[in-house]
C-alpha atoms as a PDB file:
ATOM      1  CA  MET A   1       0.000   0.000   0.000  1.00  0.00           C
ATOM      2  CA  PRO A   2       1.898   3.092  -1.203  1.00  0.00           C
ATOM      3  CA  GLU A   3       2.339   5.848   1.373  1.00  0.00           C
ATOM      4  CA  GLY A   4       4.459   8.979   1.230  1.00  0.00           C
ATOM      5  CA  ASP A   5       7.754   7.185   1.800  1.00  0.00           C
ATOM      6  CA  THR A   6       6.944   4.518  -0.807  1.00  0.00           C
ATOM      7  CA  VAL A   7       6.172   7.180  -3.402  1.00  0.00           C
ATOM      8  CA  TRP A   8       9.373   9.035  -2.467  1.00  0.00           C
ATOM      9  CA  ASN A   9      11.349   5.815  -2.961  1.00  0.00           C
ATOM     10  CA  THR A  10       9.636   5.188  -6.299  1.00  0.00           C
ATOM     11  CA  ALA A  11      10.489   8.687  -7.494  1.00  0.00           C
ATOM     12  CA  ARG A  12      14.128   8.076  -6.603  1.00  0.00           C
ATOM     13  CA  VAL A  13      14.167   4.791  -8.558  1.00  0.00           C
ATOM     14  CA  LEU A  14      12.792   6.559 -11.641  1.00  0.00           C
ATOM     15  CA  HIS A  15      15.234   9.430 -11.231  1.00  0.00           C
ATOM     16  CA  ARG A  16      18.223   7.104 -11.079  1.00  0.00           C
ATOM     17  CA  ALA A  17      17.002   5.156 -14.099  1.00  0.00           C
ATOM     18  CA  LEU A  18      15.925   7.979 -16.392  1.00  0.00           C
ATOM     19  CA  ALA A  19      17.175  11.419 -15.308  1.00  0.00           C
ATOM     20  CA  GLY A  20      19.196  13.041 -18.092  1.00  0.00           C
ATOM     21  CA  ALA A  21      18.223  10.397 -20.642  1.00  0.00           C
ATOM     22  CA  ARG A  22      16.567  11.044 -23.990  1.00  0.00           C
ATOM     23  CA  LEU A  23      13.628   8.734 -24.483  1.00  0.00           C
ATOM     24  CA  THR A  24      13.821   6.322 -27.395  1.00  0.00           C
ATOM     25  CA  GLY A  25      10.176   5.343 -27.162  1.00  0.00           C
ATOM     26  CA  SER A  26       6.978   5.483 -25.134  1.00  0.00           C
ATOM     27  CA  ASP A  27       3.777   3.483 -24.884  1.00  0.00           C
ATOM     28  CA  PHE A  28       0.692   4.864 -23.153  1.00  0.00           C
ATOM     29  CA  ARG A  29      -2.090   2.396 -22.455  1.00  0.00           C
ATOM     30  CA  VAL A  30      -4.574   4.926 -21.144  1.00  0.00           C
ATOM     31  CA  PRO A  31      -7.191   6.397 -23.502  1.00  0.00           C
ATOM     32  CA  GLN A  32      -6.388  10.056 -22.928  1.00  0.00           C
ATOM     33  CA  LEU A  33      -2.718   9.611 -23.904  1.00  0.00           C
ATOM     34  CA  ALA A  34      -2.946   6.666 -26.312  1.00  0.00           C
ATOM     35  CA  ALA A  35      -1.673   8.708 -29.283  1.00  0.00           C
ATOM     36  CA  THR A  36       1.095  10.506 -27.353  1.00  0.00           C
ATOM     37  CA  ASP A  37       4.687   9.825 -28.406  1.00  0.00           C
ATOM     38  CA  LEU A  38       7.515  11.051 -26.172  1.00  0.00           C
ATOM     39  CA  THR A  39      10.343   9.801 -28.381  1.00  0.00           C
ATOM     40  CA  GLY A  40      13.146  12.361 -28.291  1.00  0.00           C
ATOM     41  CA  TRP A  41      11.998  13.959 -25.044  1.00  0.00           C
ATOM     42  CA  THR A  42      14.551  14.355 -22.241  1.00  0.00           C
ATOM     43  CA  VAL A  43      13.809  13.346 -18.652  1.00  0.00           C
ATOM     44  CA  ARG A  44      14.822  16.191 -16.368  1.00  0.00           C
ATOM     45  CA  GLU A  45      13.945  14.732 -12.995  1.00  0.00           C
ATOM     46  CA  SER A  46      11.554  12.541 -11.050  1.00  0.00           C
ATOM     47  CA  ALA A  47       9.950  13.898  -7.887  1.00  0.00           C
ATOM     48  CA  SER A  48       7.150  13.108  -5.464  1.00  0.00           C
ATOM     49  CA  ARG A  49       4.562  15.362  -3.899  1.00  0.00           C
ATOM     50  CA  GLY A  50       2.761  13.557  -1.119  1.00  0.00           C
ATOM     51  CA  LYS A  51       1.408  10.466  -2.881  1.00  0.00           C
ATOM     52  CA  HIS A  52       1.742  11.955  -6.371  1.00  0.00           C
ATOM     53  CA  LEU A  53       4.579  11.154  -8.800  1.00  0.00           C
ATOM     54  CA  LEU A  54       5.873  13.911 -11.065  1.00  0.00           C
ATOM     55  CA  LEU A  55       8.179  12.945 -13.931  1.00  0.00           C
ATOM     56  CA  ARG A  56       9.416  16.224 -15.396  1.00  0.00           C
ATOM     57  CA  LEU A  57      10.381  16.280 -19.059  1.00  0.00           C
ATOM     58  CA  ALA A  58      11.801  18.597 -21.689  1.00  0.00           C
ATOM     59  CA  ALA A  59      10.205  18.356 -25.109  1.00  0.00           C
ATOM     60  CA  PRO A  60      12.350  18.836 -28.222  1.00  0.00           C
ATOM     61  CA  GLU A  61      12.753  22.485 -29.143  1.00  0.00           C
ATOM     62  CA  SER A  62      11.226  21.936 -32.572  1.00  0.00           C
ATOM     63  CA  GLY A  63       8.023  19.945 -32.347  1.00  0.00           C
ATOM     64  CA  GLY A  64       7.583  16.780 -30.347  1.00  0.00           C
ATOM     65  CA  GLY A  65       5.084  18.187 -27.873  1.00  0.00           C
ATOM     66  CA  PRO A  66       1.566  16.862 -27.340  1.00  0.00           C
ATOM     67  CA  THR A  67       0.580  19.642 -29.731  1.00  0.00           C
ATOM     68  CA  PRO A  68       3.081  19.871 -32.641  1.00  0.00           C
ATOM     69  CA  GLY A  69       5.511  22.718 -32.227  1.00  0.00           C
ATOM     70  CA  THR A  70       4.768  23.460 -28.561  1.00  0.00           C
ATOM     71  CA  GLY A  71       8.043  22.263 -27.032  1.00  0.00           C
ATOM     72  CA  GLY A  72       8.810  23.437 -23.482  1.00  0.00           C
ATOM     73  CA  ARG A  73       8.741  21.703 -20.133  1.00  0.00           C
ATOM     74  CA  TRP A  74       6.121  19.128 -19.294  1.00  0.00           C
ATOM     75  CA  THR A  75       5.221  16.849 -16.394  1.00  0.00           C
ATOM     76  CA  LEU A  76       3.951  13.289 -16.584  1.00  0.00           C
ATOM     77  CA  HIS A  77       1.791  12.950 -13.489  1.00  0.00           C
ATOM     78  CA  SER A  78       0.606   9.678 -11.972  1.00  0.00           C
ATOM     79  CA  HIS A  79      -0.941   8.562  -8.704  1.00  0.00           C
ATOM     80  CA  LEU A  80      -0.298   5.114  -7.216  1.00  0.00           C
ATOM     81  CA  ARG A  81      -3.397   5.041  -4.980  1.00  0.00           C
ATOM     82  CA  MET A  82      -3.702   1.574  -3.367  1.00  0.00           C
ATOM     83  CA  ASP A  83      -2.167  -0.671  -6.009  1.00  0.00           C
ATOM     84  CA  GLY A  84      -0.051   1.301  -8.476  1.00  0.00           C
ATOM     85  CA  ALA A  85       3.679   0.804  -8.998  1.00  0.00           C
ATOM     86  CA  TRP A  86       6.581   1.824 -11.209  1.00  0.00           C
ATOM     87  CA  ARG A  87       9.483  -0.528 -11.946  1.00  0.00           C
ATOM     88  CA  ALA A  88      12.764   0.111 -13.793  1.00  0.00           C
ATOM     89  CA  TYR A  89      14.390  -2.605 -15.899  1.00  0.00           C
ATOM     90  CA  ALA A  90      17.515  -2.943 -17.984  1.00  0.00           C
ATOM     91  CA  PRO A  91      16.849  -3.033 -21.741  1.00  0.00           C
ATOM     92  CA  GLY A  92      15.931  -6.584 -22.669  1.00  0.00           C
ATOM     93  CA  GLU A  93      15.172  -7.609 -19.082  1.00  0.00           C
ATOM     94  CA  ARG A  94      11.888  -9.415 -18.496  1.00  0.00           C
ATOM     95  CA  TRP A  95       9.134  -7.324 -16.904  1.00  0.00           C
ATOM     96  CA  ALA A  96       8.174  -9.659 -14.105  1.00  0.00           C
ATOM     97  CA  ALA A  97       6.625  -7.410 -11.454  1.00  0.00           C
ATOM     98  CA  ARG A  98       2.954  -7.424 -12.541  1.00  0.00           C
ATOM     99  CA  PRO A  99       0.709  -8.993 -15.215  1.00  0.00           C
ATOM    100  CA  ALA A 100       1.030  -7.369 -18.631  1.00  0.00           C
ATOM    101  CA  HIS A 101      -2.629  -6.338 -18.751  1.00  0.00           C
ATOM    102  CA  LEU A 102      -2.029  -3.949 -15.823  1.00  0.00           C
ATOM    103  CA  ILE A 103       0.663  -1.963 -17.655  1.00  0.00           C
ATOM    104  CA  ARG A 104      -0.376   1.639 -18.219  1.00  0.00           C
ATOM    105  CA  VAL A 105       2.852   3.413 -19.258  1.00  0.00           C
ATOM    106  CA  VAL A 106       6.181   2.298 -20.741  1.00  0.00           C
ATOM    107  CA  LEU A 107       9.098   4.717 -21.142  1.00  0.00           C
ATOM    108  CA  ARG A 108      12.248   3.547 -22.947  1.00  0.00           C
ATOM    109  CA  SER A 109      15.734   5.003 -22.869  1.00  0.00           C
ATOM    110  CA  PRO A 110      19.122   3.606 -23.927  1.00  0.00           C
ATOM    111  CA  GLN A 111      19.932   2.708 -20.301  1.00  0.00           C
ATOM    112  CA  ALA A 112      16.600   1.649 -18.806  1.00  0.00           C
ATOM    113  CA  VAL A 113      12.935   0.885 -19.344  1.00  0.00           C
ATOM    114  CA  ALA A 114      10.405   2.258 -16.838  1.00  0.00           C
ATOM    115  CA  VAL A 115       7.098   0.404 -16.592  1.00  0.00           C
ATOM    116  CA  GLY A 116       4.084   1.788 -14.759  1.00  0.00           C
ATOM    117  CA  HIS A 117       1.514  -0.746 -13.541  1.00  0.00           C
ATOM    118  CA  HIS A 118      -2.051   0.029 -12.507  1.00  0.00           C
ATOM    119  CA  LEU A 119      -1.393   3.770 -12.432  1.00  0.00           C
ATOM    120  CA  HIS A 120      -4.189   6.228 -11.729  1.00  0.00           C
ATOM    121  CA  GLU A 121      -4.854   9.789 -12.846  1.00  0.00           C
ATOM    122  CA  VAL A 122      -2.188   9.652 -15.550  1.00  0.00           C
ATOM    123  CA  ALA A 123      -1.843  13.076 -17.179  1.00  0.00           C
ATOM    124  CA  LEU A 124       0.654  15.047 -19.238  1.00  0.00           C
ATOM    125  CA  LEU A 125       0.600  18.783 -18.600  1.00  0.00           C
ATOM    126  CA  PRO A 126       2.916  21.811 -18.690  1.00  0.00           C
ATOM    127  CA  THR A 127       5.153  21.804 -15.640  1.00  0.00           C
ATOM    128  CA  ALA A 128       3.998  25.337 -14.888  1.00  0.00           C
ATOM    129  CA  ASP A 129       0.498  23.910 -14.385  1.00  0.00           C
ATOM    130  CA  GLU A 130       1.402  21.224 -11.825  1.00  0.00           C
ATOM    131  CA  GLY A 131      -0.450  23.197  -9.203  1.00  0.00           C
ATOM    132  CA  THR A 132      -3.769  22.311 -10.822  1.00  0.00           C
ATOM    133  CA  LEU A 133      -3.170  18.702  -9.705  1.00  0.00           C
ATOM    134  CA  VAL A 134      -1.161  19.022  -6.488  1.00  0.00           C
ATOM    135  CA  GLY A 135      -1.646  22.620  -5.379  1.00  0.00           C
ATOM    136  CA  HIS A 136      -4.386  21.647  -2.931  1.00  0.00           C
ATOM    137  CA  LEU A 137      -2.043  19.402  -0.921  1.00  0.00           C
ATOM    138  CA  GLY A 138      -0.775  20.347   2.511  1.00  0.00           C
ATOM    139  CA  PRO A 139       2.938  20.449   3.392  1.00  0.00           C
ATOM    140  CA  ASP A 140       4.778  17.339   2.170  1.00  0.00           C
ATOM    141  CA  LEU A 141       6.253  15.415   5.105  1.00  0.00           C
ATOM    142  CA  LEU A 142       9.225  14.368   2.941  1.00  0.00           C
ATOM    143  CA  GLY A 143       9.438  17.420   0.722  1.00  0.00           C
ATOM    144  CA  PRO A 144      11.370  20.690   0.774  1.00  0.00           C
ATOM    145  CA  ASP A 145       8.135  22.496   1.597  1.00  0.00           C
ATOM    146  CA  TRP A 146       7.611  20.645   4.881  1.00  0.00           C
ATOM    147  CA  ASP A 147       6.207  23.134   7.385  1.00  0.00           C
ATOM    148  CA  PRO A 148       4.936  21.652  10.669  1.00  0.00           C
ATOM    149  CA  VAL A 149       3.394  24.956  11.753  1.00  0.00           C
ATOM    150  CA  GLU A 150       1.314  25.100   8.583  1.00  0.00           C
ATOM    151  CA  ALA A 151       0.318  21.449   8.984  1.00  0.00           C
ATOM    152  CA  VAL A 152      -0.943  22.124  12.505  1.00  0.00           C
ATOM    153  CA  ARG A 153      -2.788  25.240  11.305  1.00  0.00           C
ATOM    154  CA  ARG A 154      -4.596  23.221   8.647  1.00  0.00           C
ATOM    155  CA  LEU A 155      -5.509  20.478  11.105  1.00  0.00           C
ATOM    156  CA  THR A 156      -6.921  22.914  13.656  1.00  0.00           C
ATOM    157  CA  ALA A 157      -9.051  24.555  10.972  1.00  0.00           C
ATOM    158  CA  HIS A 158     -11.383  21.540  11.314  1.00  0.00           C
ATOM    159  CA  PRO A 159     -11.559  21.035  15.096  1.00  0.00           C
ATOM    160  CA  ASP A 160     -14.496  18.603  15.090  1.00  0.00           C
ATOM    161  CA  ALA A 161     -12.921  16.131  12.648  1.00  0.00           C
ATOM    162  CA  THR A 162     -11.553  12.951  14.198  1.00  0.00           C
ATOM    163  CA  ILE A 163      -7.778  12.891  14.378  1.00  0.00           C
ATOM    164  CA  GLY A 164      -7.818   9.598  12.458  1.00  0.00           C
ATOM    165  CA  GLU A 165      -9.562  11.170   9.484  1.00  0.00           C
ATOM    166  CA  ALA A 166      -7.650  14.455   9.742  1.00  0.00           C
ATOM    167  CA  LEU A 167      -4.258  12.773   9.424  1.00  0.00           C
ATOM    168  CA  LEU A 168      -5.373  11.015   6.241  1.00  0.00           C
ATOM    169  CA  ASP A 169      -6.660  14.226   4.666  1.00  0.00           C
ATOM    170  CA  GLN A 170      -3.890  15.128   2.231  1.00  0.00           C
ATOM    171  CA  ARG A 171      -5.036  18.748   2.272  1.00  0.00           C
ATOM    172  CA  ASN A 172      -3.716  18.964   5.844  1.00  0.00           C
ATOM    173  CA  LEU A 173      -0.378  17.212   5.411  1.00  0.00           C
ATOM    174  CA  ALA A 174       0.706  15.175   2.414  1.00  0.00           C
ATOM    175  CA  GLY A 175       2.078  11.663   2.729  1.00  0.00           C
ATOM    176  CA  VAL A 176       0.372   9.993   5.699  1.00  0.00           C
ATOM    177  CA  GLY A 177      -1.467   6.800   4.781  1.00  0.00           C
ATOM    178  CA  ASN A 178      -3.432   4.299   6.811  1.00  0.00           C
ATOM    179  CA  LEU A 179      -0.389   2.505   8.208  1.00  0.00           C
ATOM    180  CA  TYR A 180       1.233   5.645   9.571  1.00  0.00           C
ATOM    181  CA  LYS A 181      -2.085   6.987  10.807  1.00  0.00           C
ATOM    182  CA  CYS A 182      -2.624   3.903  12.971  1.00  0.00           C
ATOM    183  CA  GLU A 183       0.956   3.752  14.207  1.00  0.00           C
ATOM    184  CA  VAL A 184       1.256   7.454  15.047  1.00  0.00           C
ATOM    185  CA  LEU A 185      -1.971   7.392  17.065  1.00  0.00           C
ATOM    186  CA  PHE A 186      -0.858   4.310  18.990  1.00  0.00           C
ATOM    187  CA  LEU A 187       2.513   5.825  19.831  1.00  0.00           C
ATOM    188  CA  ARG A 188       0.825   9.058  20.944  1.00  0.00           C
ATOM    189  CA  GLY A 189      -1.790   7.181  23.015  1.00  0.00           C
ATOM    190  CA  LEU A 190      -4.690   8.713  21.090  1.00  0.00           C
ATOM    191  CA  SER A 191      -7.999   7.134  20.217  1.00  0.00           C
ATOM    192  CA  PRO A 192      -8.538   7.493  16.455  1.00  0.00           C
ATOM    193  CA  TRP A 193     -11.973   8.953  17.251  1.00  0.00           C
ATOM    194  CA  THR A 194     -10.564  11.853  19.298  1.00  0.00           C
ATOM    195  CA  PRO A 195     -11.678  15.208  17.849  1.00  0.00           C
ATOM    196  CA  VAL A 196      -8.779  17.341  16.668  1.00  0.00           C
ATOM    197  CA  ARG A 197      -9.690  20.011  19.241  1.00  0.00           C
ATOM    198  CA  GLN A 198      -9.092  17.486  22.049  1.00  0.00           C
ATOM    199  CA  VAL A 199      -5.632  16.343  20.936  1.00  0.00           C
ATOM    200  CA  PRO A 200      -3.358  17.627  23.726  1.00  0.00           C
ATOM    201  CA  ASP A 201      -0.184  18.052  21.648  1.00  0.00           C
ATOM    202  CA  LEU A 202      -1.049  18.319  17.990  1.00  0.00           C
ATOM    203  CA  ALA A 203       2.421  19.612  17.103  1.00  0.00           C
ATOM    204  CA  GLY A 204       3.969  16.537  18.719  1.00  0.00           C
ATOM    205  CA  THR A 205       1.674  14.251  16.735  1.00  0.00           C
ATOM    206  CA  VAL A 206       2.618  15.966  13.478  1.00  0.00           C
ATOM    207  CA  ALA A 207       6.323  15.824  14.332  1.00  0.00           C
ATOM    208  CA  LEU A 208       6.108  12.093  15.051  1.00  0.00           C
ATOM    209  CA  ALA A 209       4.400  11.422  11.715  1.00  0.00           C
ATOM    210  CA  GLN A 210       7.199  13.201   9.898  1.00  0.00           C
ATOM    211  CA  ARG A 211       9.906  11.315  11.813  1.00  0.00           C
ATOM    212  CA  LEU A 212       8.350   7.921  11.073  1.00  0.00           C
ATOM    213  CA  LEU A 213       8.089   8.567   7.340  1.00  0.00           C
ATOM    214  CA  ALA A 214      11.598  10.004   7.208  1.00  0.00           C
ATOM    215  CA  ALA A 215      12.992   6.981   9.065  1.00  0.00           C
ATOM    216  CA  ASN A 216      11.629   4.660   6.357  1.00  0.00           C
ATOM    217  CA  ARG A 217      12.777   6.773   3.444  1.00  0.00           C
ATOM    218  CA  GLY A 218      15.229   4.855   1.262  1.00  0.00           C
ATOM    219  CA  ARG A 219      13.977   1.357   2.093  1.00  0.00           C
ATOM    220  CA  TRP A 220      10.945  -0.648   1.030  1.00  0.00           C
ATOM    221  CA  THR A 221      10.210  -2.369   4.350  1.00  0.00           C
ATOM    222  CA  GLN A 222       8.194   0.049   6.481  1.00  0.00           C
ATOM    223  CA  SER A 223       8.820  -0.262  10.212  1.00  0.00           C
ATOM    224  CA  THR A 224       7.597   1.791  13.161  1.00  0.00           C
ATOM    225  CA  THR A 225       8.952  -0.544  15.828  1.00  0.00           C
ATOM    226  CA  GLY A 226      12.633  -0.472  14.928  1.00  0.00           C
ATOM    227  CA  SER A 227      12.553  -4.081  13.733  1.00  0.00           C
ATOM    228  CA  LEU A 228      12.670  -5.150  10.087  1.00  0.00           C
ATOM    229  CA  ARG A 229      11.790  -8.769  10.848  1.00  0.00           C
ATOM    230  CA  ARG A 230       8.613 -10.104   9.270  1.00  0.00           C
ATOM    231  CA  GLY A 231       5.660  -9.747  11.630  1.00  0.00           C
ATOM    232  CA  GLN A 232       7.484  -7.312  13.914  1.00  0.00           C
ATOM    233  CA  THR A 233       7.377  -4.081  11.932  1.00  0.00           C
ATOM    234  CA  SER A 234       4.192  -2.527  13.352  1.00  0.00           C
ATOM    235  CA  HIS A 235       2.579  -1.929  16.738  1.00  0.00           C
ATOM    236  CA  VAL A 236      -1.072  -2.188  15.745  1.00  0.00           C
ATOM    237  CA  TYR A 237      -1.446  -1.935  11.969  1.00  0.00           C
ATOM    238  CA  GLY A 238      -2.491  -5.247  10.440  1.00  0.00           C
ATOM    239  CA  ARG A 239      -2.471  -6.976  13.854  1.00  0.00           C
ATOM    240  CA  ARG A 240      -6.192  -7.526  14.458  1.00  0.00           C
ATOM    241  CA  ALA A 241      -6.865  -9.706  17.546  1.00  0.00           C
ATOM    242  CA  GLN A 242      -3.135 -10.058  18.271  1.00  0.00           C
ATOM    243  CA  PRO A 243      -1.843  -8.936  21.681  1.00  0.00           C
ATOM    244  CA  CYS A 244      -0.675  -5.366  22.055  1.00  0.00           C
ATOM    245  CA  ARG A 245       3.123  -5.286  22.257  1.00  0.00           C
ATOM    246  CA  ARG A 246       2.850  -2.900  25.218  1.00  0.00           C
ATOM    247  CA  CYS A 247      -0.023  -4.174  27.385  1.00  0.00           C
ATOM    248  CA  GLY A 248      -1.217  -7.474  25.904  1.00  0.00           C
ATOM    249  CA  THR A 249      -4.763  -6.309  25.100  1.00  0.00           C
ATOM    250  CA  ALA A 250      -6.139  -7.685  21.856  1.00  0.00           C
ATOM    251  CA  ILE A 251      -5.742  -5.208  19.003  1.00  0.00           C
ATOM    252  CA  ARG A 252      -9.086  -4.134  17.562  1.00  0.00           C
ATOM    253  CA  HIS A 253     -10.049  -2.861  14.138  1.00  0.00           C
ATOM    254  CA  GLN A 254     -13.007  -0.929  12.789  1.00  0.00           C
ATOM    255  CA  ASP A 255     -13.888   1.264   9.842  1.00  0.00           C
ATOM    256  CA  LEU A 256     -13.188   4.983  10.174  1.00  0.00           C
ATOM    257  CA  GLY A 257     -13.877   7.215   7.226  1.00  0.00           C
ATOM    258  CA  GLY A 258     -13.871   4.292   4.835  1.00  0.00           C
ATOM    259  CA  ARG A 259     -10.523   2.900   6.021  1.00  0.00           C
ATOM    260  CA  VAL A 260      -9.856   0.009   8.385  1.00  0.00           C
ATOM    261  CA  THR A 261      -8.382   1.425  11.593  1.00  0.00           C
ATOM    262  CA  TYR A 262      -6.336  -0.616  14.079  1.00  0.00           C
ATOM    263  CA  TRP A 263      -5.916   0.448  17.696  1.00  0.00           C
ATOM    264  CA  CYS A 264      -5.360  -0.793  21.252  1.00  0.00           C
ATOM    265  CA  PRO A 265      -8.359   0.136  23.446  1.00  0.00           C
ATOM    266  CA  THR A 266      -6.153   0.107  26.567  1.00  0.00           C
ATOM    267  CA  CYS A 267      -3.152   2.099  25.335  1.00  0.00           C
ATOM    268  CA  GLN A 268      -5.329   4.518  23.357  1.00  0.00           C
ATOM    269  CA  PRO A 269      -8.048   5.685  25.756  1.00  0.00           C
ATOM    270  CA  GLY A 270     -10.543   8.271  24.644  1.00  0.00           C
ATOM    271  CA  PRO A 271     -13.694   8.369  22.557  1.00  0.00           C
ATOM    272  CA  PRO A 272     -14.732   4.858  21.480  1.00  0.00           C
ATOM    273  CA  PRO A 273     -15.826   4.064  17.947  1.00  0.00           C
ATOM    274  CA  PRO A 274     -19.523   4.535  17.223  1.00  0.00           C
ATOM    275  CA  ALA A 275     -21.662   1.518  17.967  1.00  0.00           C
END
């Protein structure tokens, strides 16, 4: 399940594979870009913004743009949502990560082939217009724009929202997914159903979320416990009915805002879930 750190890692993989390269071919398997050909375009960089991937390109100076003769700087935007992924392969290497029918984008260069599986919201737009797709996002926990004061301000603007839902709202802070939501609230001793206005140290909660994501940046195994061993990487997430690592109470789970939420009713006192 891609979260902010996973998307950051994916952007780095694409950057290492393609940055500076001139594309020798492209294949878009999404209707809106089916006729687009990026052959001859240069990859400038790959970046992430929250859970969004931004592959920035330079079109040939004479022609080659989505509209002939436009040229300029463009961004290939994609969103991984729950099941998307990008993989980089050496030319001629077998694409083994996902079934072929899930491929949405293929980008070829002399050094590497990037394959996007089950991508969502794929779009090609002028780089100057990126804000139309990601401008609504709050500060990126792993980005250069990270601003904890602004994140807290955005959270407190909706005081009656549950803290569980508020942390997942990418308009407040960009990058927290369901795993980090559950783990942050456990470590802070907060019931997921606590209203934002009742969180005693909102700045501390935000700071912890940023530290957890940053700690997992650069690796694919996400851990909030300090252990990378299978079955020992989380406190509550994915551990329904298993004993709490702190007190032994059975971990519970219930829907909150359309997402399954895991918590320890003993270590996270406060408002209970609705009946």
